[in-house]
Amino acid sequence: MMLTKLSKFLKNSKGATAIEYALIASLIAVVAITGMKAIGNKILNQLTNIANNLG
C-alpha cells in the first residue's frame, strides 16, 4: 500500500513542475529586488546631489 503510493508520487511530475516554477519565480523576484535596490540607490544619490547643489 505504502509502496504503491510512493510509486505514484514519484511518477507524478505535476509536483516537481510546480516546485520548479516556484524556484524560477523566486529567482526572478530576488534579481528584480536587487536591481530595484541598486537603481533606487543611484536615484537617491542623484537627488541628493541635486538638492545639495540647489541649497
C-alpha atoms as a PDB file:
ATOM      1  CA  MET A   1       0.000   0.000   0.000  1.00  0.00           C
ATOM      2  CA  MET A   2       2.666   2.497   1.025  1.00  0.00           C
ATOM      3  CA  LEU A   3       4.948   1.390  -1.789  1.00  0.00           C
ATOM      4  CA  THR A   4       2.146   1.931  -4.306  1.00  0.00           C
ATOM      5  CA  LYS A   5       1.525   5.460  -3.053  1.00  0.00           C
ATOM      6  CA  LEU A   6       5.231   6.243  -3.150  1.00  0.00           C
ATOM      7  CA  SER A   7       5.494   4.884  -6.676  1.00  0.00           C
ATOM      8  CA  LYS A   8       2.559   7.027  -7.841  1.00  0.00           C
ATOM      9  CA  PHE A   9       4.049  10.085  -6.137  1.00  0.00           C
ATOM     10  CA  LEU A  10       7.408   9.606  -7.830  1.00  0.00           C
ATOM     11  CA  LYS A  11       5.783   9.145 -11.242  1.00  0.00           C
ATOM     12  CA  ASN A  12       3.651  12.272 -10.836  1.00  0.00           C
ATOM     13  CA  SER A  13       5.514  15.202 -12.397  1.00  0.00           C
ATOM     14  CA  LYS A  14       2.987  17.912 -11.503  1.00  0.00           C
ATOM     15  CA  GLY A  15       4.515  18.467  -8.075  1.00  0.00           C
ATOM     16  CA  ALA A  16       8.035  18.668  -9.486  1.00  0.00           C
ATOM     17  CA  THR A  17       6.901  21.120 -12.145  1.00  0.00           C
ATOM     18  CA  ALA A  18       5.201  23.317  -9.555  1.00  0.00           C
ATOM     19  CA  ILE A  19       8.357  23.340  -7.433  1.00  0.00           C
ATOM     20  CA  GLU A  20      10.472  24.251 -10.462  1.00  0.00           C
ATOM     21  CA  TYR A  21       8.149  27.142 -11.322  1.00  0.00           C
ATOM     22  CA  ALA A  22       8.268  28.326  -7.703  1.00  0.00           C
ATOM     23  CA  LEU A  23      12.073  28.266  -7.742  1.00  0.00           C
ATOM     24  CA  ILE A  24      12.194  30.184 -11.026  1.00  0.00           C
ATOM     25  CA  ALA A  25       9.722  32.772  -9.707  1.00  0.00           C
ATOM     26  CA  SER A  26      11.784  33.140  -6.527  1.00  0.00           C
ATOM     27  CA  LEU A  27      14.963  33.680  -8.516  1.00  0.00           C
ATOM     28  CA  ILE A  28      13.285  36.293 -10.701  1.00  0.00           C
ATOM     29  CA  ALA A  29      11.972  38.059  -7.585  1.00  0.00           C
ATOM     30  CA  VAL A  30      15.430  38.131  -5.988  1.00  0.00           C
ATOM     31  CA  VAL A  31      17.003  39.533  -9.156  1.00  0.00           C
ATOM     32  CA  ALA A  32      14.254  42.128  -9.521  1.00  0.00           C
ATOM     33  CA  ILE A  33      14.544  43.266  -5.902  1.00  0.00           C
ATOM     34  CA  THR A  34      18.324  43.517  -6.150  1.00  0.00           C
ATOM     35  CA  GLY A  35      18.089  45.527  -9.346  1.00  0.00           C
ATOM     36  CA  MET A  36      15.468  47.861  -7.933  1.00  0.00           C
ATOM     37  CA  LYS A  37      17.549  48.489  -4.828  1.00  0.00           C
ATOM     38  CA  ALA A  38      20.593  49.342  -6.953  1.00  0.00           C
ATOM     39  CA  ILE A  39      18.619  51.686  -9.184  1.00  0.00           C
ATOM     40  CA  GLY A  40      16.899  53.215  -6.159  1.00  0.00           C
ATOM     41  CA  ASN A  41      20.243  53.973  -4.535  1.00  0.00           C
ATOM     42  CA  LYS A  42      21.533  55.609  -7.721  1.00  0.00           C
ATOM     43  CA  ILE A  43      18.414  57.755  -7.984  1.00  0.00           C
ATOM     44  CA  LEU A  44      18.698  58.708  -4.317  1.00  0.00           C
ATOM     45  CA  ASN A  45      22.317  59.758  -4.821  1.00  0.00           C
ATOM     46  CA  GLN A  46      21.398  61.866  -7.843  1.00  0.00           C
ATOM     47  CA  LEU A  47      18.557  63.580  -5.998  1.00  0.00           C
ATOM     48  CA  THR A  48      20.832  64.215  -3.022  1.00  0.00           C
ATOM     49  CA  ASN A  49      23.429  65.801  -5.321  1.00  0.00           C
ATOM     50  CA  ILE A  50      20.775  67.998  -6.923  1.00  0.00           C
ATOM     51  CA  ALA A  51      19.445  69.057  -3.517  1.00  0.00           C
ATOM     52  CA  ASN A  52      22.947  69.873  -2.270  1.00  0.00           C
ATOM     53  CA  ASN A  53      23.721  71.943  -5.365  1.00  0.00           C
ATOM     54  CA  LEU A  54      20.452  73.885  -5.091  1.00  0.00           C
ATOM     55  CA  GLY A  55      20.798  74.635  -1.400  1.00  0.00           C
END
